[in-house]
C-alpha cells in the first residue's frame, strides 16, 4: 500500500508557508497535492516552499502540479520553490530541465 502525506507548516503567517511532502507523487496523489499547494495560494502566502526530501517517487503528474501552481503563483505575485529535494525529485527536474523554474 502506498502512503503519501502532505502537511503545511506556516513559518510566518504574512510571509511564507512550507508544504512538506512524504511518499509518492503520481496520478493518484495529484489531486490532494494540487489542493494543498493551491490552498496556500488561496490564503495569499507570498512565498511557498515545498519540502520534498521525503518523496520516494515522483512522475510527471507531480511535476505537472508544481509547474501549474508555479504559474498560478506568478500570476498572483507569489513564488513557489522546491526545498530539500530528494534524489528522485532532483533527477526528474534535471531530466526535464525544470529545476531553474522551481528554484531548487
Protein backbone atom coordinates (compact mmCIF):
# COMPACT_ATOMS: atom_id res chain seq x y z
CA UNK A 1 0.00 0.00 0.00
CA UNK A 2 1.27 3.45 -0.93
CA UNK A 3 1.11 6.23 1.54
CA UNK A 4 1.53 9.88 0.75
CA UNK A 5 1.29 12.62 3.31
CA UNK A 6 1.03 16.37 2.86
CA UNK A 7 1.32 18.84 5.68
CA UNK A 8 1.57 22.60 5.63
CA UNK A 9 3.75 24.30 8.18
CA UNK A 10 3.22 28.03 8.48
CA UNK A 11 6.61 29.50 9.27
CA UNK A 12 5.49 33.13 9.27
CA UNK A 13 1.82 33.92 8.53
CA UNK A 14 2.46 37.06 6.48
CA UNK A 15 5.48 35.75 4.64
CA UNK A 16 5.82 32.04 3.96
CA UNK A 17 4.20 28.63 4.10
CA UNK A 18 6.08 25.34 3.81
CA UNK A 19 4.35 22.27 2.36
CA UNK A 20 6.07 19.08 3.48
CA UNK A 21 5.53 16.10 1.19
CA UNK A 22 6.27 12.48 2.14
CA UNK A 23 5.78 9.41 0.00
CA UNK A 24 4.91 9.19 -3.70
CA UNK A 25 3.65 11.79 -6.15
CA UNK A 26 1.85 10.29 -9.10
CA UNK A 27 -1.54 10.35 -10.84
CA UNK A 28 -3.31 9.03 -7.73
CA UNK A 29 -1.88 11.68 -5.42
CA UNK A 30 -2.02 14.58 -7.88
CA UNK A 31 -5.41 15.97 -6.68
CA UNK A 32 -4.55 16.28 -2.97
CA UNK A 33 -1.09 17.65 -3.79
CA UNK A 34 -2.63 20.29 -6.06
CA UNK A 35 -5.24 21.13 -3.40
CA UNK A 36 -2.55 21.59 -0.74
CA UNK A 37 -0.48 23.98 -2.88
CA UNK A 38 -3.47 25.89 -4.25
CA UNK A 39 -4.77 26.26 -0.69
CA UNK A 40 -1.60 28.14 0.20
CA UNK A 41 -2.09 30.40 -2.81
CA UNK A 42 -5.72 30.99 -1.84
CA UNK A 43 -4.56 32.04 1.62
CA UNK A 44 -2.25 34.51 -0.16
CA UNK A 45 1.14 33.45 1.12
CA UNK A 46 3.70 35.38 -0.93
CA UNK A 47 6.23 32.53 -0.71
CA UNK A 48 5.51 28.83 -0.65
CA UNK A 49 8.27 26.30 -0.13
CA UNK A 50 7.76 22.63 -0.98
CA UNK A 51 9.95 20.36 1.14
CA UNK A 52 10.40 17.21 -0.94
CA UNK A 53 13.18 15.49 0.98
CA UNK A 54 10.95 12.51 1.88
CA UNK A 55 9.49 11.97 -1.60
CA UNK A 56 10.33 8.41 -2.67
CA UNK A 57 8.84 8.61 -6.19
CA UNK A 58 7.59 11.39 -8.44
CA UNK A 59 6.37 11.14 -12.01
CA UNK A 60 5.17 13.75 -14.48
CA UNK A 61 1.90 14.15 -12.53
CA UNK A 62 3.75 15.66 -9.59
CA UNK A 63 5.81 17.82 -11.93
CA UNK A 64 2.63 19.00 -13.66
CA UNK A 65 1.22 20.14 -10.31
CA UNK A 66 4.40 22.01 -9.40
CA UNK A 67 4.50 23.83 -12.74
CA UNK A 68 0.78 24.66 -12.77
CA UNK A 69 0.96 26.03 -9.24
CA UNK A 70 4.12 27.95 -10.13
CA UNK A 71 2.26 29.63 -12.98
CA UNK A 72 -0.71 30.43 -10.73
CA UNK A 73 1.68 31.82 -8.12
CA UNK A 74 3.40 34.07 -10.65
CA UNK A 75 0.03 35.42 -11.78
CA UNK A 76 -0.80 36.37 -8.20
CA UNK A 77 2.64 37.80 -7.38
CA UNK A 78 3.73 34.83 -5.25
CA UNK A 79 6.53 32.29 -5.64
CA UNK A 80 6.75 28.53 -5.21
CA UNK A 81 10.09 26.81 -4.80
CA UNK A 82 11.24 23.27 -4.14
CA UNK A 83 13.34 22.86 -1.00
CA UNK A 84 15.44 19.87 0.03
CA UNK A 85 14.54 17.74 -2.99
CA UNK A 86 15.08 14.01 -2.76
CA UNK A 87 17.24 12.23 -5.30
CA UNK A 88 14.29 11.10 -7.44
CA UNK A 89 12.84 14.64 -7.48
CA UNK A 90 16.18 16.18 -8.44
CA UNK A 91 16.56 13.60 -11.20
CA UNK A 92 13.14 14.31 -12.72
CA UNK A 93 13.65 18.07 -12.55
CA UNK A 94 17.07 17.71 -14.12
CA UNK A 95 15.82 15.44 -16.93
CA UNK A 96 13.02 17.87 -17.76
CA UNK A 97 15.24 20.94 -17.36
CA UNK A 98 12.80 22.49 -14.88
CA UNK A 99 15.00 22.88 -11.81
CA UNK A 100 15.63 26.54 -12.63
CA UNK A 101 11.88 27.23 -12.86
CA UNK A 102 11.33 25.82 -9.39
CA UNK A 103 14.35 27.50 -7.79
CA UNK A 104 15.74 24.27 -6.46
